[in-house]
N, C-alpha and C. Protein backbone atom coordinates (compact mmCIF):
# COMPACT_ATOMS: atom_id res chain seq x y z
N GLN A 1 -26.65 -10.65 8.74
CA GLN A 1 -26.78 -11.87 7.96
C GLN A 1 -25.53 -12.06 7.11
N VAL A 2 -24.96 -13.26 7.23
CA VAL A 2 -23.75 -13.56 6.46
C VAL A 2 -24.10 -13.66 5.00
N GLN A 3 -23.29 -13.01 4.17
CA GLN A 3 -23.52 -13.05 2.74
C GLN A 3 -22.24 -13.37 1.99
N LEU A 4 -22.40 -14.14 0.93
CA LEU A 4 -21.35 -14.32 -0.06
C LEU A 4 -21.80 -13.56 -1.29
N VAL A 5 -20.90 -12.81 -1.89
CA VAL A 5 -21.25 -11.98 -3.03
C VAL A 5 -20.36 -12.34 -4.21
N GLU A 6 -21.02 -12.83 -5.27
CA GLU A 6 -20.29 -13.18 -6.49
C GLU A 6 -20.25 -11.99 -7.44
N SER A 7 -19.22 -11.95 -8.25
CA SER A 7 -19.13 -10.93 -9.30
C SER A 7 -18.28 -11.49 -10.45
N GLY A 8 -18.35 -10.82 -11.60
CA GLY A 8 -17.50 -11.19 -12.72
C GLY A 8 -18.20 -11.91 -13.85
N GLY A 9 -19.48 -12.20 -13.69
CA GLY A 9 -20.20 -12.86 -14.78
C GLY A 9 -20.43 -11.92 -15.94
N GLY A 10 -20.93 -12.47 -17.03
CA GLY A 10 -21.21 -11.64 -18.19
C GLY A 10 -21.37 -12.48 -19.45
N LEU A 11 -21.32 -11.79 -20.57
CA LEU A 11 -21.46 -12.42 -21.88
C LEU A 11 -20.09 -12.50 -22.55
N VAL A 12 -19.75 -13.67 -23.04
CA VAL A 12 -18.46 -13.86 -23.69
C VAL A 12 -18.65 -14.80 -24.87
N GLN A 13 -17.81 -14.65 -25.87
CA GLN A 13 -17.87 -15.56 -27.02
C GLN A 13 -17.18 -16.88 -26.68
N ALA A 14 -17.58 -17.92 -27.39
CA ALA A 14 -16.96 -19.22 -27.21
C ALA A 14 -15.45 -19.10 -27.42
N GLY A 15 -14.70 -19.75 -26.55
CA GLY A 15 -13.25 -19.67 -26.57
C GLY A 15 -12.67 -18.59 -25.69
N GLY A 16 -13.54 -17.73 -25.18
CA GLY A 16 -13.10 -16.64 -24.33
C GLY A 16 -12.93 -17.04 -22.89
N SER A 17 -12.64 -16.05 -22.05
CA SER A 17 -12.37 -16.28 -20.63
C SER A 17 -13.15 -15.31 -19.77
N LEU A 18 -13.43 -15.75 -18.56
CA LEU A 18 -14.00 -14.90 -17.52
C LEU A 18 -13.39 -15.31 -16.20
N ARG A 19 -13.33 -14.38 -15.28
CA ARG A 19 -12.92 -14.70 -13.91
C ARG A 19 -14.02 -14.25 -12.96
N LEU A 20 -14.53 -15.21 -12.22
CA LEU A 20 -15.53 -14.93 -11.20
C LEU A 20 -14.85 -14.74 -9.86
N SER A 21 -15.44 -13.88 -9.04
CA SER A 21 -14.94 -13.64 -7.69
C SER A 21 -16.08 -13.85 -6.70
N CYS A 22 -15.72 -14.25 -5.51
CA CYS A 22 -16.71 -14.44 -4.44
C CYS A 22 -16.08 -13.92 -3.15
N ALA A 23 -16.75 -12.95 -2.55
CA ALA A 23 -16.23 -12.34 -1.33
C ALA A 23 -17.19 -12.57 -0.17
N GLY A 24 -16.62 -12.65 1.03
CA GLY A 24 -17.44 -12.85 2.20
C GLY A 24 -16.66 -12.59 3.47
N PRO A 25 -17.25 -12.88 4.61
CA PRO A 25 -16.60 -12.61 5.89
C PRO A 25 -15.35 -13.45 6.11
N GLY A 26 -14.36 -12.85 6.77
CA GLY A 26 -13.09 -13.53 6.97
C GLY A 26 -13.21 -14.80 7.77
N ARG A 27 -14.07 -14.80 8.78
CA ARG A 27 -14.18 -15.98 9.64
C ARG A 27 -14.73 -17.17 8.86
N ILE A 28 -15.39 -16.89 7.75
CA ILE A 28 -15.90 -17.96 6.88
C ILE A 28 -14.79 -18.46 5.98
N PHE A 29 -14.12 -17.55 5.31
CA PHE A 29 -13.15 -17.95 4.30
C PHE A 29 -11.96 -18.67 4.88
N SER A 30 -11.54 -18.32 6.04
CA SER A 30 -10.31 -18.90 6.57
C SER A 30 -10.46 -20.37 6.94
N THR A 31 -11.66 -20.82 7.16
CA THR A 31 -11.85 -22.18 7.65
C THR A 31 -12.74 -23.06 6.78
N SER A 32 -13.34 -22.48 5.75
CA SER A 32 -14.33 -23.23 4.99
C SER A 32 -13.79 -23.82 3.70
N THR A 33 -14.26 -25.02 3.37
CA THR A 33 -14.16 -25.51 2.01
C THR A 33 -15.08 -24.67 1.16
N MET A 34 -14.58 -24.16 0.04
CA MET A 34 -15.37 -23.31 -0.83
C MET A 34 -15.66 -24.04 -2.14
N GLY A 35 -16.85 -23.80 -2.66
CA GLY A 35 -17.22 -24.45 -3.90
C GLY A 35 -17.84 -23.47 -4.88
N TRP A 36 -17.64 -23.76 -6.14
CA TRP A 36 -18.35 -23.07 -7.22
C TRP A 36 -19.28 -24.09 -7.88
N TYR A 37 -20.52 -23.70 -8.01
CA TYR A 37 -21.53 -24.53 -8.65
C TYR A 37 -22.15 -23.75 -9.80
N ARG A 38 -22.84 -24.46 -10.67
CA ARG A 38 -23.58 -23.79 -11.72
C ARG A 38 -24.90 -24.51 -11.96
N GLN A 39 -25.85 -23.74 -12.45
CA GLN A 39 -27.16 -24.30 -12.77
C GLN A 39 -27.65 -23.69 -14.07
N ALA A 40 -27.82 -24.53 -15.06
CA ALA A 40 -28.37 -24.11 -16.34
C ALA A 40 -29.88 -24.31 -16.32
N PRO A 41 -30.63 -23.60 -17.16
CA PRO A 41 -32.08 -23.74 -17.18
C PRO A 41 -32.50 -25.19 -17.41
N GLY A 42 -33.38 -25.68 -16.56
CA GLY A 42 -33.89 -27.02 -16.70
C GLY A 42 -32.96 -28.12 -16.24
N LYS A 43 -31.83 -27.74 -15.65
CA LYS A 43 -30.85 -28.73 -15.20
C LYS A 43 -30.60 -28.59 -13.70
N GLN A 44 -30.05 -29.66 -13.12
CA GLN A 44 -29.71 -29.62 -11.71
C GLN A 44 -28.45 -28.81 -11.49
N ARG A 45 -28.34 -28.27 -10.29
CA ARG A 45 -27.12 -27.56 -9.92
C ARG A 45 -25.98 -28.57 -9.84
N GLU A 46 -24.82 -28.20 -10.40
CA GLU A 46 -23.68 -29.10 -10.40
C GLU A 46 -22.43 -28.40 -9.92
N LEU A 47 -21.56 -29.18 -9.28
CA LEU A 47 -20.29 -28.66 -8.82
C LEU A 47 -19.34 -28.48 -10.00
N VAL A 48 -18.66 -27.33 -10.05
CA VAL A 48 -17.65 -27.12 -11.08
C VAL A 48 -16.25 -26.98 -10.50
N ALA A 49 -16.15 -26.66 -9.23
CA ALA A 49 -14.82 -26.56 -8.62
C ALA A 49 -14.97 -26.51 -7.11
N GLN A 50 -14.01 -27.10 -6.43
CA GLN A 50 -13.99 -27.08 -4.98
C GLN A 50 -12.57 -26.85 -4.52
N ILE A 51 -12.42 -26.05 -3.46
CA ILE A 51 -11.10 -25.80 -2.91
C ILE A 51 -11.18 -25.90 -1.40
N LEU A 52 -10.30 -26.72 -0.84
CA LEU A 52 -10.26 -26.90 0.60
C LEU A 52 -9.58 -25.70 1.26
N SER A 53 -9.73 -25.59 2.58
CA SER A 53 -9.10 -24.49 3.29
C SER A 53 -7.58 -24.53 3.13
N GLY A 54 -7.04 -25.73 2.94
CA GLY A 54 -5.61 -25.88 2.75
C GLY A 54 -5.15 -25.73 1.33
N GLY A 55 -6.10 -25.58 0.39
CA GLY A 55 -5.74 -25.31 -1.00
C GLY A 55 -5.95 -26.45 -1.98
N GLY A 56 -6.24 -27.65 -1.51
CA GLY A 56 -6.49 -28.75 -2.43
C GLY A 56 -7.73 -28.49 -3.27
N THR A 57 -7.69 -28.91 -4.54
CA THR A 57 -8.78 -28.61 -5.46
C THR A 57 -9.35 -29.86 -6.11
N THR A 58 -10.60 -29.75 -6.54
CA THR A 58 -11.31 -30.83 -7.23
C THR A 58 -12.13 -30.23 -8.35
N TYR A 59 -12.13 -30.91 -9.50
CA TYR A 59 -12.93 -30.48 -10.65
C TYR A 59 -13.60 -31.68 -11.30
N PRO A 60 -14.78 -31.48 -11.85
CA PRO A 60 -15.37 -32.55 -12.66
C PRO A 60 -14.68 -32.58 -14.03
N ASP A 61 -14.82 -33.69 -14.73
CA ASP A 61 -14.17 -33.83 -16.03
C ASP A 61 -14.62 -32.76 -17.02
N SER A 62 -15.86 -32.28 -16.87
CA SER A 62 -16.42 -31.33 -17.84
C SER A 62 -15.66 -30.01 -17.87
N VAL A 63 -14.96 -29.67 -16.79
CA VAL A 63 -14.26 -28.38 -16.75
C VAL A 63 -12.77 -28.55 -16.48
N LYS A 64 -12.32 -29.76 -16.20
CA LYS A 64 -10.92 -29.98 -15.87
C LYS A 64 -10.02 -29.52 -17.01
N GLY A 65 -8.99 -28.76 -16.67
CA GLY A 65 -8.08 -28.22 -17.67
C GLY A 65 -8.51 -26.87 -18.22
N ARG A 66 -9.75 -26.48 -17.96
CA ARG A 66 -10.25 -25.18 -18.45
C ARG A 66 -10.53 -24.21 -17.30
N PHE A 67 -11.00 -24.72 -16.18
CA PHE A 67 -11.36 -23.90 -15.02
C PHE A 67 -10.30 -24.08 -13.92
N THR A 68 -10.03 -22.98 -13.22
CA THR A 68 -9.10 -23.03 -12.09
C THR A 68 -9.69 -22.25 -10.92
N VAL A 69 -9.79 -22.90 -9.79
CA VAL A 69 -10.28 -22.24 -8.58
C VAL A 69 -9.07 -21.89 -7.71
N SER A 70 -9.15 -20.73 -7.08
CA SER A 70 -8.10 -20.31 -6.17
C SER A 70 -8.72 -19.48 -5.05
N ARG A 71 -7.96 -19.29 -3.99
CA ARG A 71 -8.48 -18.52 -2.88
C ARG A 71 -7.39 -17.62 -2.33
N ASP A 72 -7.82 -16.46 -1.85
CA ASP A 72 -6.93 -15.52 -1.17
C ASP A 72 -7.58 -15.23 0.17
N ASN A 73 -7.18 -15.97 1.18
CA ASN A 73 -7.81 -15.81 2.50
C ASN A 73 -7.56 -14.42 3.09
N ALA A 74 -6.44 -13.80 2.72
CA ALA A 74 -6.16 -12.45 3.22
C ALA A 74 -7.18 -11.45 2.70
N LYS A 75 -7.72 -11.73 1.51
CA LYS A 75 -8.73 -10.84 0.92
C LYS A 75 -10.13 -11.40 1.07
N ASN A 76 -10.26 -12.54 1.75
CA ASN A 76 -11.57 -13.17 1.94
C ASN A 76 -12.29 -13.39 0.62
N THR A 77 -11.55 -13.86 -0.36
CA THR A 77 -12.08 -13.99 -1.71
C THR A 77 -11.65 -15.32 -2.33
N VAL A 78 -12.57 -15.92 -3.05
CA VAL A 78 -12.27 -17.11 -3.84
C VAL A 78 -12.57 -16.77 -5.30
N TYR A 79 -11.77 -17.31 -6.20
CA TYR A 79 -11.87 -17.00 -7.61
C TYR A 79 -12.14 -18.26 -8.43
N LEU A 80 -12.76 -18.05 -9.58
CA LEU A 80 -12.90 -19.12 -10.56
C LEU A 80 -12.48 -18.55 -11.91
N GLN A 81 -11.31 -18.95 -12.37
CA GLN A 81 -10.83 -18.56 -13.69
C GLN A 81 -11.35 -19.57 -14.70
N MET A 82 -12.08 -19.08 -15.69
CA MET A 82 -12.70 -19.94 -16.69
C MET A 82 -12.13 -19.60 -18.06
N ASN A 83 -11.47 -20.54 -18.65
CA ASN A 83 -10.86 -20.36 -19.97
C ASN A 83 -11.51 -21.31 -20.98
N SER A 84 -11.29 -21.03 -22.25
CA SER A 84 -11.82 -21.87 -23.34
C SER A 84 -13.30 -22.16 -23.13
N LEU A 85 -14.05 -21.11 -22.85
CA LEU A 85 -15.46 -21.28 -22.53
C LEU A 85 -16.25 -21.80 -23.73
N LYS A 86 -17.25 -22.60 -23.41
CA LYS A 86 -18.11 -23.23 -24.42
C LYS A 86 -19.56 -22.80 -24.18
N PRO A 87 -20.39 -22.84 -25.20
CA PRO A 87 -21.80 -22.49 -24.99
C PRO A 87 -22.46 -23.32 -23.88
N GLU A 88 -22.04 -24.55 -23.72
CA GLU A 88 -22.63 -25.40 -22.67
C GLU A 88 -22.19 -25.00 -21.26
N ASP A 89 -21.27 -24.04 -21.16
CA ASP A 89 -20.92 -23.50 -19.84
C ASP A 89 -21.90 -22.42 -19.39
N THR A 90 -22.82 -22.04 -20.26
CA THR A 90 -23.81 -21.03 -19.91
C THR A 90 -24.66 -21.49 -18.74
N ALA A 91 -24.72 -20.67 -17.70
CA ALA A 91 -25.45 -21.03 -16.48
C ALA A 91 -25.35 -19.87 -15.50
N VAL A 92 -26.10 -20.00 -14.42
CA VAL A 92 -25.88 -19.14 -13.26
C VAL A 92 -24.86 -19.84 -12.37
N TYR A 93 -23.83 -19.11 -12.01
CA TYR A 93 -22.74 -19.66 -11.20
C TYR A 93 -22.88 -19.16 -9.77
N TYR A 94 -22.77 -20.11 -8.84
CA TYR A 94 -22.94 -19.82 -7.43
C TYR A 94 -21.67 -20.16 -6.66
N CYS A 95 -21.39 -19.34 -5.68
CA CYS A 95 -20.31 -19.59 -4.74
C CYS A 95 -20.92 -20.15 -3.46
N ALA A 96 -20.22 -21.07 -2.81
CA ALA A 96 -20.73 -21.64 -1.56
C ALA A 96 -19.62 -21.86 -0.57
N ALA A 97 -19.90 -21.52 0.67
CA ALA A 97 -19.01 -21.86 1.79
C ALA A 97 -19.56 -23.18 2.33
N LEU A 98 -19.04 -24.28 1.82
CA LEU A 98 -19.65 -25.58 2.04
C LEU A 98 -19.62 -26.01 3.50
N THR A 99 -18.58 -25.64 4.21
CA THR A 99 -18.47 -26.03 5.62
C THR A 99 -19.61 -25.45 6.45
N TYR A 100 -20.12 -24.30 6.02
CA TYR A 100 -21.15 -23.59 6.78
C TYR A 100 -22.50 -23.58 6.07
N GLY A 101 -22.59 -24.16 4.90
CA GLY A 101 -23.85 -24.20 4.18
C GLY A 101 -24.35 -22.85 3.71
N LEU A 102 -23.41 -21.96 3.36
CA LEU A 102 -23.78 -20.62 2.93
C LEU A 102 -23.61 -20.49 1.41
N TRP A 103 -24.55 -19.77 0.78
CA TRP A 103 -24.54 -19.63 -0.67
C TRP A 103 -24.66 -18.16 -1.05
N GLY A 104 -24.08 -17.83 -2.19
CA GLY A 104 -24.28 -16.51 -2.75
C GLY A 104 -25.52 -16.47 -3.61
N GLN A 105 -25.79 -15.30 -4.19
CA GLN A 105 -26.99 -15.10 -5.00
C GLN A 105 -26.82 -15.59 -6.43
N GLY A 106 -25.60 -15.76 -6.86
CA GLY A 106 -25.34 -16.25 -8.21
C GLY A 106 -25.00 -15.13 -9.17
N THR A 107 -24.26 -15.47 -10.21
CA THR A 107 -23.92 -14.53 -11.27
C THR A 107 -24.06 -15.25 -12.61
N GLN A 108 -24.67 -14.56 -13.57
CA GLN A 108 -24.96 -15.19 -14.85
C GLN A 108 -23.73 -15.19 -15.75
N VAL A 109 -23.46 -16.34 -16.33
CA VAL A 109 -22.42 -16.47 -17.35
C VAL A 109 -23.09 -16.98 -18.62
N THR A 110 -22.93 -16.22 -19.70
CA THR A 110 -23.51 -16.60 -20.98
C THR A 110 -22.39 -16.68 -22.02
N VAL A 111 -22.29 -17.83 -22.68
CA VAL A 111 -21.27 -18.04 -23.69
C VAL A 111 -21.96 -18.18 -25.04
N SER A 112 -21.67 -17.27 -25.94
CA SER A 112 -22.30 -17.30 -27.26
C SER A 112 -21.43 -18.08 -28.24
N SER A 113 -22.10 -18.73 -29.19
CA SER A 113 -21.37 -19.56 -30.17
C SER A 113 -20.97 -18.75 -31.38
């Protein structure tokens, strides 16, 4: 069974930084658009970053300038660098191989005020 595995979540104070990682099979990473999503309690899952197989990126206004998505196809890994974190960034963060409809289990990010 194909799996995406996220890591790097945790507890951080407001203004701090975290870097999330997502690893998976090479045949997935080399050809897939990858996305990072988040879901806070009582809210819908929302996209926070997307990166195409060629490297183009997209961010919503809520994280633009603070979050950076990148990928290393040689390591079959996609990253989400999160800076200037705010309490409203608290959520479970999910990695997705959008081209194939595959999702990871999620990693909790908690930002304290």
